[in-house]
Amino acid sequence: MKSNWIKITPHKLVVLTILGAMLSLLDAVFAEDKSAWDKTFPQSDKVTHQKVTYKNRYGITLAADLYQPKYHGDKRLAAIAVSGPFGAVKEQSSGLYAQTMAERGFVTLAFDPSYTGESGGDPRHVASPDINTEDFSAAVDFLGLLPSVDRERIGIIGICGFGGMALNAAAVDKRIKAVATSTMYDMSRVMAKGYNDRQTKEERTKTLEKLSQQRWTDAEKGAPQLGPVSLELKGGEPQFVVDYADYYKKPRGFHPRSINSNGSWTVANPLSFMNMPLLTYIDEISPRPVLLIHGENAHSRYLSERAYKAAAEPKELLIIKGANHVDLYDRVDVIPFEELVSFFTNNLK
């Protein structure tokens, strides 16, 4: 009968000791990498940063960066959840907004939306007007359970395409006490009607026919087809597309997990947005306040102007002189942080 014991010789003991040391070293490296600063903006020494996860109402695990002022004692603070732009990750614009607002005394959370970045959800690189709206409410859930947060003083910021989702979330989730958007896109309006609502009914029908046929292709393959890589310029693109590429494709804002930097959406992604208008109930945010921030020279300015008209008081539209759409992603000398601080300080009392 063979013994179950393995004889350890001095030579084998040395080898095992070396292997154990190597594994311990690798563990330390991985732990260091996990906590390493992986953002497109400098780290602040005025706040603490922690990577966190939590689930939304659909059971999808969301990944986020939690920022808190270093010195706040035992006082419960107001909190702000931030996400966007559409196709970006928390290491880009939303993280910059979150860290800066944390420096000003708020507990903040920048999160990756479902199906993107480090958040869960399969298949990858899809968006949903419903699920991405829920992602904001799930962030409120998480913040409201923190011992450092006063759950009666929670607001949200949506950037670019997640501005529309933020307004939609504020309309339905009455726990959100104030909402601000920056360089807001109503993705459902743009996808359903084209820029400046110029898409005709015939063009819309043709697009829906094409996307409907795409579903057969996806069903046959058992997986959704990805579109072309985002923002690969070939020349002749509109200036706003060039501006996008200047942010996402260059060191200024490039991040490997960002769809706009290094990937593409699924071809059939527009379907639900074309059928479910995000801002249907924007007037029901009232009496909670709305702040819409947009660049004077942004191609998308009309979207905030129309949202402002549809919203009920109290509301404010702040136009930043000389700014384009992308300037409000990361230009800290252009983003009106003092106005944001004043807005949330006054309305998260």
Protein backbone atom coordinates (compact mmCIF):
# COMPACT_ATOMS: atom_id res chain seq x y z
CA MET A 1 0.00 0.00 0.00
CA LYS A 2 1.40 3.37 -1.05
CA SER A 3 1.88 6.02 1.58
CA ASN A 4 -0.10 9.30 1.34
CA TRP A 5 2.92 11.16 2.72
CA ILE A 6 5.37 12.96 0.47
CA LYS A 7 8.98 12.93 1.54
CA ILE A 8 10.43 16.45 1.74
CA THR A 9 14.18 16.49 1.17
CA PRO A 10 16.34 19.50 2.12
CA HIS A 11 16.61 20.37 -1.59
CA LYS A 12 12.83 20.27 -2.02
CA LEU A 13 12.39 22.37 1.11
CA VAL A 14 14.60 25.09 -0.35
CA VAL A 15 12.63 25.03 -3.61
CA LEU A 16 9.31 25.26 -1.76
CA THR A 17 10.60 28.11 0.38
CA ILE A 18 11.66 30.04 -2.73
CA LEU A 19 8.32 29.36 -4.43
CA GLY A 20 6.47 30.53 -1.32
CA ALA A 21 8.47 33.74 -1.26
CA MET A 22 7.79 34.32 -4.96
CA LEU A 23 4.05 33.82 -4.47
CA SER A 24 4.05 36.23 -1.54
CA LEU A 25 5.87 38.77 -3.70
CA LEU A 26 3.37 38.33 -6.52
CA ASP A 27 0.50 38.77 -4.08
CA ALA A 28 2.03 42.02 -2.91
CA VAL A 29 2.46 43.22 -6.49
CA PHE A 30 -1.15 42.41 -7.35
CA ALA A 31 -2.37 44.14 -4.20
CA GLU A 32 -0.27 47.19 -5.08
CA ASP A 33 -1.58 47.20 -8.65
CA LYS A 34 -5.17 46.95 -7.41
CA SER A 35 -4.77 50.03 -5.27
CA ALA A 36 -2.57 51.91 -7.74
CA TRP A 37 -3.79 55.22 -9.09
CA ASP A 38 -5.28 54.42 -12.50
CA LYS A 39 -7.04 57.70 -13.31
CA THR A 40 -6.51 60.22 -16.09
CA PHE A 41 -6.20 63.06 -13.55
CA PRO A 42 -3.77 63.65 -10.65
CA GLN A 43 -4.56 62.19 -7.24
CA SER A 44 -5.53 64.66 -4.54
CA ASP A 45 -3.91 64.58 -1.12
CA LYS A 46 -7.00 66.21 0.42
CA VAL A 47 -9.28 63.18 0.12
CA THR A 48 -9.26 59.44 0.71
CA HIS A 49 -9.93 57.09 -2.20
CA GLN A 50 -11.32 53.59 -2.07
CA LYS A 51 -12.49 51.15 -4.75
CA VAL A 52 -15.89 49.68 -3.87
CA THR A 53 -18.55 47.42 -5.36
CA TYR A 54 -22.29 47.04 -4.79
CA LYS A 55 -25.30 45.67 -6.66
CA ASN A 56 -28.13 47.45 -8.43
CA ARG A 57 -31.77 46.41 -8.39
CA TYR A 58 -31.16 43.97 -11.26
CA GLY A 59 -28.38 42.16 -9.43
CA ILE A 60 -25.57 43.62 -11.54
CA THR A 61 -22.41 44.35 -9.58
CA LEU A 62 -21.29 47.93 -10.05
CA ALA A 63 -17.71 49.10 -9.51
CA ALA A 64 -17.06 52.59 -8.18
CA ASP A 65 -14.50 54.92 -6.66
CA LEU A 66 -15.44 56.38 -3.27
CA TYR A 67 -13.91 59.75 -2.37
CA GLN A 68 -14.17 61.29 1.11
CA PRO A 69 -12.69 64.40 2.72
CA LYS A 70 -9.77 63.39 4.93
CA TYR A 71 -10.87 65.43 7.93
CA HIS A 72 -14.56 65.56 8.75
CA GLY A 73 -14.79 64.12 12.27
CA ASP A 74 -17.98 62.29 13.18
CA LYS A 75 -20.24 64.64 11.25
CA ARG A 76 -22.46 63.04 8.61
CA LEU A 77 -21.85 64.72 5.26
CA ALA A 78 -23.86 65.42 2.13
CA ALA A 79 -23.07 63.02 -0.72
CA ILE A 80 -23.03 63.11 -4.52
CA ALA A 81 -23.05 60.24 -7.06
CA VAL A 82 -21.43 60.96 -10.43
CA SER A 83 -21.34 59.16 -13.77
CA GLY A 84 -20.66 59.84 -17.42
CA PRO A 85 -19.90 60.61 -20.15
CA PHE A 86 -21.60 57.99 -22.33
CA GLY A 87 -18.91 55.43 -23.19
CA ALA A 88 -16.49 56.70 -20.54
CA VAL A 89 -15.31 55.14 -17.27
CA LYS A 90 -14.99 56.37 -13.70
CA GLU A 91 -11.26 56.91 -14.16
CA GLN A 92 -12.01 59.76 -16.57
CA SER A 93 -14.32 62.78 -16.26
CA SER A 94 -16.70 61.49 -13.58
CA GLY A 95 -13.79 60.67 -11.28
CA LEU A 96 -12.38 64.16 -11.72
CA TYR A 97 -15.73 65.68 -10.78
CA ALA A 98 -16.09 63.32 -7.81
CA GLN A 99 -12.60 63.93 -6.43
CA THR A 100 -12.94 67.71 -6.82
CA MET A 101 -16.31 67.79 -5.06
CA ALA A 102 -14.87 65.62 -2.26
CA GLU A 103 -12.13 68.19 -1.82
CA ARG A 104 -14.94 70.69 -1.21
CA GLY A 105 -16.45 68.63 1.60
CA PHE A 106 -18.81 66.09 0.01
CA VAL A 107 -18.67 62.30 0.10
CA THR A 108 -18.69 61.34 -3.58
CA LEU A 109 -19.00 58.21 -5.67
CA ALA A 110 -17.95 57.90 -9.32
CA PHE A 111 -19.29 54.66 -10.81
CA ASP A 112 -18.98 52.60 -13.97
CA PRO A 113 -22.43 51.98 -15.48
CA SER A 114 -23.69 48.44 -15.95
CA TYR A 115 -22.02 46.45 -18.77
CA THR A 116 -19.04 48.82 -18.97
CA GLY A 117 -15.68 49.44 -17.31
CA GLU A 118 -15.10 47.36 -14.20
CA SER A 119 -18.82 46.92 -13.53
CA GLY A 120 -20.57 43.63 -14.22
CA GLY A 121 -23.20 42.71 -16.75
CA ASP A 122 -23.09 40.51 -19.81
CA PRO A 123 -22.91 41.05 -22.75
CA ARG A 124 -20.43 43.89 -22.61
CA HIS A 125 -20.63 47.35 -24.15
CA VAL A 126 -24.38 47.81 -24.11
CA ALA A 127 -26.46 50.58 -22.55
CA SER A 128 -30.05 50.86 -21.39
CA PRO A 129 -32.14 53.93 -20.53
CA ASP A 130 -33.77 51.90 -17.75
CA ILE A 131 -30.81 50.03 -16.28
CA ASN A 132 -28.48 53.03 -16.48
CA THR A 133 -31.09 55.14 -14.72
CA GLU A 134 -31.25 52.45 -12.04
CA ASP A 135 -27.46 52.64 -11.74
CA PHE A 136 -27.83 56.13 -10.25
CA SER A 137 -30.41 54.93 -7.73
CA ALA A 138 -28.13 52.02 -6.77
CA ALA A 139 -25.37 54.56 -6.11
CA VAL A 140 -27.78 56.41 -3.81
CA ASP A 141 -28.48 53.09 -2.03
CA PHE A 142 -24.75 52.60 -1.44
CA LEU A 143 -24.06 56.15 -0.28
CA GLY A 144 -27.05 56.17 2.05
CA LEU A 145 -25.70 53.16 3.96
CA LEU A 146 -22.33 54.76 4.70
CA PRO A 147 -21.86 55.92 8.31
CA SER A 148 -20.25 59.13 7.02
CA VAL A 149 -23.28 60.12 4.90
CA ASP A 150 -26.54 61.84 5.79
CA ARG A 151 -28.97 59.90 3.61
CA GLU A 152 -31.37 62.86 3.53
CA ARG A 153 -28.69 64.94 1.75
CA ILE A 154 -27.79 63.04 -1.42
CA GLY A 155 -27.53 64.55 -4.90
CA ILE A 156 -26.29 63.38 -8.30
CA ILE A 157 -24.25 64.73 -11.22
CA GLY A 158 -24.61 63.36 -14.75
CA ILE A 159 -22.05 64.23 -17.41
CA CYS A 160 -22.78 64.16 -21.15
CA GLY A 161 -24.97 61.13 -21.96
CA PHE A 162 -25.40 60.33 -18.29
CA GLY A 163 -26.87 63.77 -17.79
CA GLY A 164 -30.07 62.47 -19.36
CA MET A 165 -29.95 59.37 -17.17
CA ALA A 166 -29.38 61.54 -14.08
CA LEU A 167 -32.45 63.69 -14.84
CA ASN A 168 -34.49 60.54 -15.41
CA ALA A 169 -33.28 59.09 -12.09
CA ALA A 170 -34.10 62.27 -10.20
CA ALA A 171 -37.61 62.27 -11.65
CA VAL A 172 -38.39 58.77 -10.37
CA ASP A 173 -36.23 58.54 -7.22
CA LYS A 174 -37.48 61.06 -4.67
CA ARG A 175 -34.52 60.39 -2.36
CA ILE A 176 -32.37 62.45 -4.76
CA LYS A 177 -32.54 65.97 -3.33
CA ALA A 178 -30.74 67.86 -6.13
CA VAL A 179 -29.46 67.06 -9.63
CA ALA A 180 -26.87 68.78 -11.79
CA THR A 181 -25.83 67.95 -15.34
CA SER A 182 -22.76 69.02 -17.26
CA THR A 183 -22.65 69.19 -21.07
CA MET A 184 -25.84 67.07 -21.03
CA TYR A 185 -26.88 64.69 -23.80
CA ASP A 186 -30.39 63.26 -23.98
CA MET A 187 -29.26 60.00 -25.61
CA SER A 188 -32.81 58.89 -26.35
CA ARG A 189 -33.59 62.10 -28.23
CA VAL A 190 -30.37 62.03 -30.25
CA MET A 191 -30.75 58.36 -31.16
CA ALA A 192 -34.45 58.67 -31.97
CA LYS A 193 -34.40 61.97 -33.84
CA GLY A 194 -30.79 62.68 -34.82
CA TYR A 195 -28.88 65.84 -34.02
CA ASN A 196 -31.13 68.89 -33.79
CA ASP A 197 -34.13 66.59 -34.42
CA ARG A 198 -33.32 66.51 -38.14
CA GLN A 199 -34.01 62.80 -38.71
CA THR A 200 -37.17 62.23 -40.76
CA LYS A 201 -39.72 59.54 -40.01
CA GLU A 202 -38.56 57.67 -43.11
CA GLU A 203 -34.93 57.76 -41.92
CA ARG A 204 -35.97 56.59 -38.47
CA THR A 205 -37.94 53.70 -39.98
CA LYS A 206 -34.96 52.73 -42.14
CA THR A 207 -32.66 52.74 -39.11
CA LEU A 208 -35.07 50.59 -37.10
CA GLU A 209 -35.41 48.14 -39.99
CA LYS A 210 -31.62 47.79 -40.12
CA LEU A 211 -31.30 47.33 -36.35
CA SER A 212 -34.15 44.82 -36.33
CA GLN A 213 -32.38 42.75 -38.98
CA GLN A 214 -29.19 43.01 -36.90
CA ARG A 215 -30.99 41.08 -34.19
CA TRP A 216 -31.20 38.06 -36.55
CA THR A 217 -27.42 38.24 -37.02
CA ASP A 218 -26.84 38.48 -33.28
CA ALA A 219 -29.27 35.63 -32.58
CA GLU A 220 -27.60 33.37 -35.13
CA LYS A 221 -24.14 34.07 -33.72
CA GLY A 222 -25.30 33.86 -30.12
CA ALA A 223 -23.63 37.15 -29.27
CA PRO A 224 -24.13 40.82 -30.17
CA GLN A 225 -21.99 42.23 -32.93
CA LEU A 226 -19.72 45.14 -32.03
CA GLY A 227 -19.61 48.25 -34.16
CA PRO A 228 -16.41 49.83 -35.48
CA VAL A 229 -13.83 51.04 -32.98
CA SER A 230 -14.91 54.41 -31.61
CA LEU A 231 -13.45 57.69 -32.83
CA GLU A 232 -10.99 56.32 -35.38
CA LEU A 233 -10.73 59.48 -37.46
CA LYS A 234 -10.34 59.25 -41.23
CA GLY A 235 -10.53 62.95 -42.04
CA GLY A 236 -13.45 65.22 -42.77
CA GLU A 237 -15.27 64.58 -39.48
CA PRO A 238 -17.29 67.39 -37.82
CA GLN A 239 -15.31 69.47 -35.33
CA PHE A 240 -17.18 68.03 -32.34
CA VAL A 241 -16.04 64.51 -33.34
CA VAL A 242 -12.47 65.78 -33.58
CA ASP A 243 -12.92 67.27 -30.10
CA TYR A 244 -14.08 63.89 -28.77
CA ALA A 245 -11.02 62.17 -30.25
CA ASP A 246 -8.77 64.84 -28.78
CA TYR A 247 -9.99 63.80 -25.33
CA TYR A 248 -10.53 60.05 -25.58
CA LYS A 249 -7.74 59.04 -27.95
CA LYS A 250 -4.90 61.13 -26.55
CA PRO A 251 -3.09 61.06 -23.20
CA ARG A 252 -5.37 63.87 -22.02
CA GLY A 253 -8.23 61.42 -21.42
CA PHE A 254 -7.35 57.98 -22.84
CA HIS A 255 -8.17 54.99 -20.65
CA PRO A 256 -7.97 51.37 -21.85
CA ARG A 257 -11.31 50.41 -20.27
CA SER A 258 -13.19 53.29 -21.89
CA ILE A 259 -15.38 52.31 -24.83
CA ASN A 260 -14.74 55.68 -26.46
CA SER A 261 -10.99 55.29 -26.04
CA ASN A 262 -10.44 51.66 -26.81
CA GLY A 263 -13.61 49.88 -27.91
CA SER A 264 -17.06 50.15 -29.45
CA TRP A 265 -20.73 49.80 -28.59
CA THR A 266 -22.80 46.90 -29.89
CA VAL A 267 -24.46 47.60 -33.24
CA ALA A 268 -28.01 47.15 -31.87
CA ASN A 269 -27.34 49.39 -28.85
CA PRO A 270 -29.65 52.28 -29.97
CA LEU A 271 -32.84 50.18 -30.05
CA SER A 272 -34.18 50.79 -26.53
CA PHE A 273 -33.11 54.45 -26.56
CA MET A 274 -35.06 55.04 -29.78
CA ASN A 275 -38.23 53.74 -28.11
CA MET A 276 -38.04 55.07 -24.53
CA PRO A 277 -37.67 58.87 -24.10
CA LEU A 278 -35.61 59.62 -21.01
CA LEU A 279 -36.99 63.05 -20.12
CA THR A 280 -40.71 62.28 -20.29
CA TYR A 281 -41.24 63.18 -16.62
CA ILE A 282 -38.51 65.79 -16.13
CA ASP A 283 -41.06 68.25 -14.72
CA GLU A 284 -41.65 65.83 -11.82
CA ILE A 285 -38.19 66.53 -10.40
CA SER A 286 -39.73 69.68 -8.92
CA PRO A 287 -39.73 70.93 -6.19
CA ARG A 288 -36.18 69.57 -6.02
CA PRO A 289 -33.70 71.81 -7.89
CA VAL A 290 -32.10 71.22 -11.29
CA LEU A 291 -28.85 72.80 -12.52
CA LEU A 292 -27.97 72.40 -16.22
CA ILE A 293 -24.44 73.41 -17.24
CA HIS A 294 -23.42 73.68 -20.88
CA GLY A 295 -20.75 75.25 -23.06
CA GLU A 296 -21.61 78.27 -25.16
CA ASN A 297 -20.01 76.74 -28.26
CA ALA A 298 -21.07 73.12 -27.69
CA HIS A 299 -22.84 71.40 -30.60
CA SER A 300 -25.08 69.80 -27.95
CA ARG A 301 -26.12 73.01 -26.21
CA TYR A 302 -29.67 72.78 -27.56
CA LEU A 303 -30.25 69.62 -25.50
CA SER A 304 -29.77 71.42 -22.19
CA GLU A 305 -31.82 74.37 -23.43
CA ARG A 306 -34.76 72.11 -24.30
CA ALA A 307 -34.42 70.20 -21.03
CA TYR A 308 -34.48 73.53 -19.21
CA LYS A 309 -37.73 74.50 -20.92
CA ALA A 310 -39.30 71.15 -20.03
CA ALA A 311 -38.22 71.19 -16.38
CA ALA A 312 -40.24 72.89 -13.67
CA GLU A 313 -38.94 75.40 -11.13
CA PRO A 314 -36.58 75.57 -9.34
CA LYS A 315 -34.18 75.30 -12.26
CA GLU A 316 -31.10 77.03 -13.62
CA LEU A 317 -29.32 76.94 -16.98
CA LEU A 318 -25.67 77.98 -16.73
CA ILE A 319 -23.93 78.63 -20.07
CA ILE A 320 -20.12 78.72 -19.89
CA LYS A 321 -18.76 81.37 -22.22
CA GLY A 322 -16.41 80.13 -24.94
CA ALA A 323 -16.61 76.46 -23.88
CA ASN A 324 -17.27 73.55 -26.23
CA HIS A 325 -18.80 70.20 -25.32
CA VAL A 326 -15.58 68.42 -24.32
CA ASP A 327 -14.11 71.35 -22.37
CA LEU A 328 -16.49 70.44 -19.56
CA TYR A 329 -15.04 66.93 -19.33
CA ASP A 330 -11.73 67.89 -17.76
CA ARG A 331 -10.79 71.56 -18.09
CA VAL A 332 -10.69 72.45 -14.41
CA ASP A 333 -10.30 76.13 -15.31
CA VAL A 334 -13.54 75.93 -17.32
CA ILE A 335 -15.76 73.58 -15.27
CA PRO A 336 -17.70 75.81 -12.85
CA PHE A 337 -16.88 73.87 -9.69
CA GLU A 338 -17.61 76.82 -7.40
CA GLU A 339 -21.13 77.03 -8.82
CA LEU A 340 -21.56 73.29 -8.35
CA VAL A 341 -20.38 73.55 -4.75
CA SER A 342 -22.77 76.43 -4.09
CA PHE A 343 -25.66 74.57 -5.74
CA PHE A 344 -25.23 71.41 -3.69
CA THR A 345 -24.33 73.22 -0.46
CA ASN A 346 -27.51 75.28 -0.67
CA ASN A 347 -29.76 72.38 -1.68
CA LEU A 348 -28.39 69.50 0.39
CA LYS A 349 -29.06 71.06 3.77
